Amino acid sequence: MNNILNQKTSTGVHIFLEDTSGNGTFINGEKVGKGNKQVLANNDEVSLAVKKNKAYMFLDNNIHKRVSPQEIAACFHRCHDAEV
């Protein structure tokens, strides 16, 4: 399990992923580490347990206001299928 946090910092409001998992969480292939937080950026890929197990793609609503859920799903599946 992981937490997604909306936090205000000295540089503005950012979205953080906090790794509370027992098996590891990766953002763009880099391990976050249990108890650590990392800022999420637009199009970051979040993997669970193993860095190849892509589970989520973070999309910033301020950038993707006109993208439909179907377009997002199609992009994710294309990215996933390319790595098989």
PDB file of N, CA and C in Angstrom:
ATOM      1  N   MET A   1       0.844  -1.169   0.000  1.00  0.00           N
ATOM      2  CA  MET A   1       0.000   0.000   0.000  1.00  0.00           C
ATOM      3  C   MET A   1       0.893   1.236   0.000  1.00  0.00           C
ATOM      4  N   ASN A   2       0.465   2.260  -0.683  1.00  0.00           N
ATOM      5  CA  ASN A   2       1.186   3.525  -0.751  1.00  0.00           C
ATOM      6  C   ASN A   2       0.219   4.664  -0.490  1.00  0.00           C
ATOM      7  N   ASN A   3       0.754   5.785  -0.048  1.00  0.00           N
ATOM      8  CA  ASN A   3      -0.051   6.980   0.175  1.00  0.00           C
ATOM      9  C   ASN A   3       0.283   8.011  -0.884  1.00  0.00           C
ATOM     10  N   ILE A   4      -0.742   8.681  -1.387  1.00  0.00           N
ATOM     11  CA  ILE A   4      -0.563   9.820  -2.283  1.00  0.00           C
ATOM     12  C   ILE A   4      -0.929  11.051  -1.465  1.00  0.00           C
ATOM     13  N   LEU A   5       0.032  11.970  -1.362  1.00  0.00           N
ATOM     14  CA  LEU A   5      -0.131  13.134  -0.495  1.00  0.00           C
ATOM     15  C   LEU A   5      -0.029  14.415  -1.295  1.00  0.00           C
ATOM     16  N   ASN A   6      -0.871  15.372  -0.961  1.00  0.00           N
ATOM     17  CA  ASN A   6      -0.846  16.707  -1.544  1.00  0.00           C
ATOM     18  C   ASN A   6      -0.238  17.605  -0.479  1.00  0.00           C
ATOM     19  N   GLN A   7       1.002  18.083  -0.692  1.00  0.00           N
ATOM     20  CA  GLN A   7       1.683  18.853   0.350  1.00  0.00           C
ATOM     21  C   GLN A   7       2.199  20.177  -0.182  1.00  0.00           C
ATOM     22  N   LYS A   8       2.077  21.196   0.657  1.00  0.00           N
ATOM     23  CA  LYS A   8       2.624  22.504   0.341  1.00  0.00           C
ATOM     24  C   LYS A   8       4.079  22.542   0.803  1.00  0.00           C
ATOM     25  N   THR A   9       4.957  23.002  -0.084  1.00  0.00           N
ATOM     26  CA  THR A   9       6.376  23.147   0.242  1.00  0.00           C
ATOM     27  C   THR A   9       6.777  24.592  -0.037  1.00  0.00           C
ATOM     28  N   SER A  10       8.038  24.889   0.164  1.00  0.00           N
ATOM     29  CA  SER A  10       8.516  26.246  -0.099  1.00  0.00           C
ATOM     30  C   SER A  10       8.459  26.604  -1.584  1.00  0.00           C
ATOM     31  N   THR A  11       8.356  25.603  -2.466  1.00  0.00           N
ATOM     32  CA  THR A  11       8.291  25.853  -3.913  1.00  0.00           C
ATOM     33  C   THR A  11       6.892  25.694  -4.484  1.00  0.00           C
ATOM     34  N   GLY A  12       5.899  25.474  -3.640  1.00  0.00           N
ATOM     35  CA  GLY A  12       4.519  25.336  -4.093  1.00  0.00           C
ATOM     36  C   GLY A  12       3.876  24.071  -3.571  1.00  0.00           C
ATOM     37  N   VAL A  13       2.733  23.729  -4.142  1.00  0.00           N
ATOM     38  CA  VAL A  13       2.013  22.518  -3.756  1.00  0.00           C
ATOM     39  C   VAL A  13       2.421  21.394  -4.699  1.00  0.00           C
ATOM     40  N   HIS A  14       2.790  20.257  -4.125  1.00  0.00           N
ATOM     41  CA  HIS A  14       3.250  19.117  -4.913  1.00  0.00           C
ATOM     42  C   HIS A  14       2.516  17.853  -4.482  1.00  0.00           C
ATOM     43  N   ILE A  15       2.469  16.886  -5.394  1.00  0.00           N
ATOM     44  CA  ILE A  15       1.893  15.575  -5.120  1.00  0.00           C
ATOM     45  C   ILE A  15       3.047  14.625  -4.831  1.00  0.00           C
ATOM     46  N   PHE A  16       2.986  13.959  -3.676  1.00  0.00           N
ATOM     47  CA  PHE A  16       4.025  13.022  -3.269  1.00  0.00           C
ATOM     48  C   PHE A  16       3.469  11.611  -3.210  1.00  0.00           C
ATOM     49  N   LEU A  17       4.291  10.640  -3.517  1.00  0.00           N
ATOM     50  CA  LEU A  17       3.993   9.238  -3.262  1.00  0.00           C
ATOM     51  C   LEU A  17       4.851   8.831  -2.072  1.00  0.00           C
ATOM     52  N   GLU A  18       4.205   8.284  -1.047  1.00  0.00           N
ATOM     53  CA  GLU A  18       4.920   7.765   0.121  1.00  0.00           C
ATOM     54  C   GLU A  18       4.868   6.249   0.068  1.00  0.00           C
ATOM     55  N   ASP A  19       6.040   5.609   0.093  1.00  0.00           N
ATOM     56  CA  ASP A  19       6.117   4.148   0.015  1.00  0.00           C
ATOM     57  C   ASP A  19       5.878   3.560   1.401  1.00  0.00           C
ATOM     58  N   THR A  20       4.727   2.910   1.554  1.00  0.00           N
ATOM     59  CA  THR A  20       4.397   2.219   2.805  1.00  0.00           C
ATOM     60  C   THR A  20       4.259   0.719   2.547  1.00  0.00           C
ATOM     61  N   SER A  21       4.749   0.283   1.383  1.00  0.00           N
ATOM     62  CA  SER A  21       4.594  -1.117   0.985  1.00  0.00           C
ATOM     63  C   SER A  21       5.615  -2.009   1.678  1.00  0.00           C
ATOM     64  N   GLY A  22       5.355  -3.293   1.619  1.00  0.00           N
ATOM     65  CA  GLY A  22       6.301  -4.273   2.133  1.00  0.00           C
ATOM     66  C   GLY A  22       7.198  -4.840   1.045  1.00  0.00           C
ATOM     67  N   ASN A  23       6.801  -4.622  -0.227  1.00  0.00           N
ATOM     68  CA  ASN A  23       7.529  -5.219  -1.347  1.00  0.00           C
ATOM     69  C   ASN A  23       8.285  -4.225  -2.208  1.00  0.00           C
ATOM     70  N   GLY A  24       8.129  -2.950  -1.957  1.00  0.00           N
ATOM     71  CA  GLY A  24       8.830  -1.937  -2.737  1.00  0.00           C
ATOM     72  C   GLY A  24       7.948  -1.258  -3.758  1.00  0.00           C
ATOM     73  N   THR A  25       8.249   0.017  -3.978  1.00  0.00           N
ATOM     74  CA  THR A  25       7.563   0.835  -4.966  1.00  0.00           C
ATOM     75  C   THR A  25       8.627   1.560  -5.778  1.00  0.00           C
ATOM     76  N   PHE A  26       8.391   1.656  -7.093  1.00  0.00           N
ATOM     77  CA  PHE A  26       9.342   2.285  -7.992  1.00  0.00           C
ATOM     78  C   PHE A  26       8.648   3.390  -8.770  1.00  0.00           C
ATOM     79  N   ILE A  27       9.334   4.498  -8.972  1.00  0.00           N
ATOM     80  CA  ILE A  27       8.867   5.569  -9.844  1.00  0.00           C
ATOM     81  C   ILE A  27       9.872   5.673 -10.978  1.00  0.00           C
ATOM     82  N   ASN A  28       9.395   5.430 -12.186  1.00  0.00           N
ATOM     83  CA  ASN A  28      10.255   5.428 -13.372  1.00  0.00           C
ATOM     84  C   ASN A  28      11.478   4.527 -13.191  1.00  0.00           C
ATOM     85  N   GLY A  29      11.262   3.382 -12.555  1.00  0.00           N
ATOM     86  CA  GLY A  29      12.318   2.394 -12.390  1.00  0.00           C
ATOM     87  C   GLY A  29      13.241   2.613 -11.206  1.00  0.00           C
ATOM     88  N   GLU A  30      13.061   3.705 -10.476  1.00  0.00           N
ATOM     89  CA  GLU A  30      13.899   3.999  -9.312  1.00  0.00           C
ATOM     90  C   GLU A  30      13.134   3.681  -8.033  1.00  0.00           C
ATOM     91  N   LYS A  31      13.748   2.902  -7.154  1.00  0.00           N
ATOM     92  CA  LYS A  31      13.082   2.508  -5.906  1.00  0.00           C
ATOM     93  C   LYS A  31      12.899   3.723  -4.992  1.00  0.00           C
ATOM     94  N   VAL A  32      11.681   3.845  -4.447  1.00  0.00           N
ATOM     95  CA  VAL A  32      11.388   4.937  -3.521  1.00  0.00           C
ATOM     96  C   VAL A  32      11.962   4.591  -2.152  1.00  0.00           C
ATOM     97  N   GLY A  33      11.682   3.395  -1.663  1.00  0.00           N
ATOM     98  CA  GLY A  33      12.175   2.956  -0.354  1.00  0.00           C
ATOM     99  C   GLY A  33      11.120   3.155   0.723  1.00  0.00           C
ATOM    100  N   LYS A  34      10.891   2.112   1.492  1.00  0.00           N
ATOM    101  CA  LYS A  34       9.846   2.138   2.516  1.00  0.00           C
ATOM    102  C   LYS A  34      10.046   3.316   3.466  1.00  0.00           C
ATOM    103  N   GLY A  35       8.965   4.062   3.678  1.00  0.00           N
ATOM    104  CA  GLY A  35       8.993   5.218   4.554  1.00  0.00           C
ATOM    105  C   GLY A  35       9.442   6.496   3.877  1.00  0.00           C
ATOM    106  N   ASN A  36       9.912   6.412   2.634  1.00  0.00           N
ATOM    107  CA  ASN A  36      10.357   7.597   1.900  1.00  0.00           C
ATOM    108  C   ASN A  36       9.244   8.161   1.045  1.00  0.00           C
ATOM    109  N   LYS A  37       9.362   9.455   0.731  1.00  0.00           N
ATOM    110  CA  LYS A  37       8.410  10.137  -0.149  1.00  0.00           C
ATOM    111  C   LYS A  37       9.164  10.672  -1.358  1.00  0.00           C
ATOM    112  N   GLN A  38       8.453  10.692  -2.492  1.00  0.00           N
ATOM    113  CA  GLN A  38       9.022  11.261  -3.703  1.00  0.00           C
ATOM    114  C   GLN A  38       7.937  12.041  -4.428  1.00  0.00           C
ATOM    115  N   VAL A  39       8.310  13.199  -4.971  1.00  0.00           N
ATOM    116  CA  VAL A  39       7.369  14.022  -5.734  1.00  0.00           C
ATOM    117  C   VAL A  39       7.019  13.300  -7.023  1.00  0.00           C
ATOM    118  N   LEU A  40       5.729  13.324  -7.373  1.00  0.00           N
ATOM    119  CA  LEU A  40       5.285  12.769  -8.645  1.00  0.00           C
ATOM    120  C   LEU A  40       5.230  13.878  -9.684  1.00  0.00           C
ATOM    121  N   ALA A  41       5.737  13.591 -10.867  1.00  0.00           N
ATOM    122  CA  ALA A  41       5.690  14.520 -11.989  1.00  0.00           C
ATOM    123  C   ALA A  41       4.810  13.924 -13.082  1.00  0.00           C
ATOM    124  N   ASN A  42       4.344  14.769 -13.970  1.00  0.00           N
ATOM    125  CA  ASN A  42       3.493  14.331 -15.059  1.00  0.00           C
ATOM    126  C   ASN A  42       4.136  13.175 -15.833  1.00  0.00           C
ATOM    127  N   ASN A  43       3.356  12.143 -16.102  1.00  0.00           N
ATOM    128  CA  ASN A  43       3.747  10.936 -16.841  1.00  0.00           C
ATOM    129  C   ASN A  43       4.695  10.009 -16.084  1.00  0.00           C
ATOM    130  N   ASP A  44       4.865  10.200 -14.788  1.00  0.00           N
ATOM    131  CA  ASP A  44       5.662   9.251 -14.007  1.00  0.00           C
ATOM    132  C   ASP A  44       4.963   7.896 -13.998  1.00  0.00           C
ATOM    133  N   GLU A  45       5.745   6.838 -14.140  1.00  0.00           N
ATOM    134  CA  GLU A  45       5.220   5.474 -14.089  1.00  0.00           C
ATOM    135  C   GLU A  45       5.542   4.871 -12.735  1.00  0.00           C
ATOM    136  N   VAL A  46       4.509   4.379 -12.062  1.00  0.00           N
ATOM    137  CA  VAL A  46       4.656   3.792 -10.731  1.00  0.00           C
ATOM    138  C   VAL A  46       4.544   2.280 -10.860  1.00  0.00           C
ATOM    139  N   SER A  47       5.560   1.590 -10.345  1.00  0.00           N
ATOM    140  CA  SER A  47       5.596   0.118 -10.384  1.00  0.00           C
ATOM    141  C   SER A  47       5.559  -0.418  -8.967  1.00  0.00           C
ATOM    142  N   LEU A  48       4.978  -1.595  -8.824  1.00  0.00           N
ATOM    143  CA  LEU A  48       4.837  -2.221  -7.517  1.00  0.00           C
ATOM    144  C   LEU A  48       5.633  -3.520  -7.458  1.00  0.00           C
ATOM    145  N   ALA A  49       6.351  -3.718  -6.379  1.00  0.00           N
ATOM    146  CA  ALA A  49       7.134  -4.925  -6.074  1.00  0.00           C
ATOM    147  C   ALA A  49       8.373  -5.086  -6.955  1.00  0.00           C
ATOM    148  N   VAL A  50       8.215  -5.009  -8.258  1.00  0.00           N
ATOM    149  CA  VAL A  50       9.317  -5.146  -9.207  1.00  0.00           C
ATOM    150  C   VAL A  50       9.198  -3.999 -10.194  1.00  0.00           C
ATOM    151  N   LYS A  51      10.311  -3.380 -10.576  1.00  0.00           N
ATOM    152  CA  LYS A  51      10.216  -2.189 -11.414  1.00  0.00           C
ATOM    153  C   LYS A  51       9.570  -2.425 -12.775  1.00  0.00           C
ATOM    154  N   LYS A  52       9.482  -3.668 -13.207  1.00  0.00           N
ATOM    155  CA  LYS A  52       8.812  -3.967 -14.481  1.00  0.00           C
ATOM    156  C   LYS A  52       7.289  -4.072 -14.342  1.00  0.00           C
ATOM    157  N   ASN A  53       6.785  -4.137 -13.107  1.00  0.00           N
ATOM    158  CA  ASN A  53       5.340  -4.265 -12.857  1.00  0.00           C
ATOM    159  C   ASN A  53       4.676  -2.894 -12.816  1.00  0.00           C
ATOM    160  N   LYS A  54       4.573  -2.248 -13.958  1.00  0.00           N
ATOM    161  CA  LYS A  54       3.980  -0.908 -14.009  1.00  0.00           C
ATOM    162  C   LYS A  54       2.499  -0.997 -13.695  1.00  0.00           C
ATOM    163  N   ALA A  55       2.089  -0.258 -12.672  1.00  0.00           N
ATOM    164  CA  ALA A  55       0.707  -0.315 -12.224  1.00  0.00           C
ATOM    165  C   ALA A  55      -0.054   0.980 -12.487  1.00  0.00           C
ATOM    166  N   TYR A  56       0.635   2.112 -12.454  1.00  0.00           N
ATOM    167  CA  TYR A  56      -0.019   3.411 -12.589  1.00  0.00           C
ATOM    168  C   TYR A  56       0.852   4.355 -13.391  1.00  0.00           C
ATOM    169  N   MET A  57       0.182   5.321 -14.025  1.00  0.00           N
ATOM    170  CA  MET A  57       0.876   6.447 -14.621  1.00  0.00           C
ATOM    171  C   MET A  57       0.245   7.695 -14.020  1.00  0.00           C
ATOM    172  N   PHE A  58       1.076   8.560 -13.441  1.00  0.00           N
ATOM    173  CA  PHE A  58       0.571   9.794 -12.854  1.00  0.00           C
ATOM    174  C   PHE A  58       0.400  10.840 -13.947  1.00  0.00           C
ATOM    175  N   LEU A  59      -0.805  11.380 -14.048  1.00  0.00           N
ATOM    176  CA  LEU A  59      -1.088  12.437 -15.012  1.00  0.00           C
ATOM    177  C   LEU A  59      -1.551  13.679 -14.260  1.00  0.00           C
ATOM    178  N   ASP A  60      -0.894  14.773 -14.509  1.00  0.00           N
ATOM    179  CA  ASP A  60      -1.227  16.046 -13.880  1.00  0.00           C
ATOM    180  C   ASP A  60      -2.466  16.616 -14.565  1.00  0.00           C
ATOM    181  N   ASN A  61      -3.559  16.793 -13.823  1.00  0.00           N
ATOM    182  CA  ASN A  61      -4.806  17.315 -14.391  1.00  0.00           C
ATOM    183  C   ASN A  61      -4.643  18.713 -14.972  1.00  0.00           C
ATOM    184  N   ASN A  62      -3.686  19.468 -14.478  1.00  0.00           N
ATOM    185  CA  ASN A  62      -3.468  20.807 -15.020  1.00  0.00           C
ATOM    186  C   ASN A  62      -2.911  20.758 -16.437  1.00  0.00           C
ATOM    187  N   ILE A  63      -2.288  19.666 -16.799  1.00  0.00           N
ATOM    188  CA  ILE A  63      -1.721  19.502 -18.143  1.00  0.00           C
ATOM    189  C   ILE A  63      -2.661  18.708 -19.038  1.00  0.00           C
ATOM    190  N   HIS A  64      -3.336  17.692 -18.484  1.00  0.00           N
ATOM    191  CA  HIS A  64      -4.155  16.756 -19.267  1.00  0.00           C
ATOM    192  C   HIS A  64      -5.650  17.005 -19.131  1.00  0.00           C
ATOM    193  N   LYS A  65      -6.076  18.232 -19.107  1.00  0.00           N
ATOM    194  CA  LYS A  65      -7.499  18.526 -18.915  1.00  0.00           C
ATOM    195  C   LYS A  65      -8.375  17.982 -20.034  1.00  0.00           C
ATOM    196  N   ARG A  66      -7.851  17.852 -21.230  1.00  0.00           N
ATOM    197  CA  ARG A  66      -8.683  17.437 -22.363  1.00  0.00           C
ATOM    198  C   ARG A  66      -8.436  16.002 -22.798  1.00  0.00           C
ATOM    199  N   VAL A  67      -7.748  15.229 -22.005  1.00  0.00           N
ATOM    200  CA  VAL A  67      -7.472  13.837 -22.362  1.00  0.00           C
ATOM    201  C   VAL A  67      -8.537  12.939 -21.742  1.00  0.00           C
ATOM    202  N   SER A  68      -9.134  12.099 -22.564  1.00  0.00           N
ATOM    203  CA  SER A  68     -10.188  11.211 -22.076  1.00  0.00           C
ATOM    204  C   SER A  68      -9.578   9.993 -21.388  1.00  0.00           C
ATOM    205  N   PRO A  69     -10.343   9.348 -20.508  1.00  0.00           N
ATOM    206  CA  PRO A  69      -9.860   8.113 -19.875  1.00  0.00           C
ATOM    207  C   PRO A  69      -9.483   7.045 -20.903  1.00  0.00           C
ATOM    208  N   GLN A  70     -10.183   6.989 -22.029  1.00  0.00           N
ATOM    209  CA  GLN A  70      -9.877   6.003 -23.058  1.00  0.00           C
ATOM    210  C   GLN A  70      -8.510   6.286 -23.686  1.00  0.00           C
ATOM    211  N   GLU A  71      -8.188   7.561 -23.894  1.00  0.00           N
ATOM    212  CA  GLU A  71      -6.882   7.919 -24.456  1.00  0.00           C
ATOM    213  C   GLU A  71      -5.758   7.575 -23.485  1.00  0.00           C
ATOM    214  N   ILE A  72      -5.998   7.802 -22.203  1.00  0.00           N
ATOM    215  CA  ILE A  72      -5.008   7.464 -21.185  1.00  0.00           C
ATOM    216  C   ILE A  72      -4.788   5.958 -21.159  1.00  0.00           C
ATOM    217  N   ALA A  73      -5.882   5.187 -21.153  1.00  0.00           N
ATOM    218  CA  ALA A  73      -5.784   3.731 -21.124  1.00  0.00           C
ATOM    219  C   ALA A  73      -5.041   3.218 -22.361  1.00  0.00           C
ATOM    220  N   ALA A  74      -5.330   3.782 -23.523  1.00  0.00           N
ATOM    221  CA  ALA A  74      -4.671   3.350 -24.757  1.00  0.00           C
ATOM    222  C   ALA A  74      -3.176   3.613 -24.687  1.00  0.00           C
ATOM    223  N   CYS A  75      -2.783   4.758 -24.156  1.00  0.00           N
ATOM    224  CA  CYS A  75      -1.360   5.079 -24.022  1.00  0.00           C
ATOM    225  C   CYS A  75      -0.686   4.113 -23.070  1.00  0.00           C
ATOM    226  N   PHE A  76      -1.320   3.829 -21.933  1.00  0.00           N
ATOM    227  CA  PHE A  76      -0.712   2.923 -20.959  1.00  0.00           C
ATOM    228  C   PHE A  76      -0.539   1.538 -21.544  1.00  0.00           C
ATOM    229  N   HIS A  77      -1.550   1.045 -22.244  1.00  0.00           N
ATOM    230  CA  HIS A  77      -1.453  -0.296 -22.815  1.00  0.00           C
ATOM    231  C   HIS A  77      -0.368  -0.362 -23.887  1.00  0.00           C
ATOM    232  N   ARG A  78      -0.224   0.690 -24.685  1.00  0.00           N
ATOM    233  CA  ARG A  78       0.839   0.705 -25.695  1.00  0.00           C
ATOM    234  C   ARG A  78       2.206   0.651 -25.008  1.00  0.00           C
ATOM    235  N   CYS A  79       2.371   1.437 -23.944  1.00  0.00           N
ATOM    236  CA  CYS A  79       3.653   1.442 -23.227  1.00  0.00           C
ATOM    237  C   CYS A  79       3.904   0.069 -22.625  1.00  0.00           C
ATOM    238  N   HIS A  80       2.879  -0.530 -22.030  1.00  0.00           N
ATOM    239  CA  HIS A  80       3.022  -1.827 -21.376  1.00  0.00           C
ATOM    240  C   HIS A  80       3.346  -2.909 -22.393  1.00  0.00           C
ATOM    241  N   ASP A  81       2.617  -2.915 -23.522  1.00  0.00           N
ATOM    242  CA  ASP A  81       2.823  -3.956 -24.531  1.00  0.00           C
ATOM    243  C   ASP A  81       4.207  -3.877 -25.159  1.00  0.00           C
ATOM    244  N   ALA A  82       4.769  -2.677 -25.252  1.00  0.00           N
ATOM    245  CA  ALA A  82       6.073  -2.508 -25.883  1.00  0.00           C
ATOM    246  C   ALA A  82       7.186  -3.145 -25.073  1.00  0.00           C
ATOM    247  N   GLU A  83       6.971  -3.337 -23.782  1.00  0.00           N
ATOM    248  CA  GLU A  83       8.018  -3.892 -22.930  1.00  0.00           C
ATOM    249  C   GLU A  83       7.953  -5.409 -22.800  1.00  0.00           C
ATOM    250  N   VAL A  84       6.921  -6.016 -23.338  1.00  0.00           N
ATOM    251  CA  VAL A  84       6.760  -7.474 -23.218  1.00  0.00           C
ATOM    252  C   VAL A  84       7.688  -8.190 -24.156  1.00  0.00           C
TER     253      VAL A  84
END
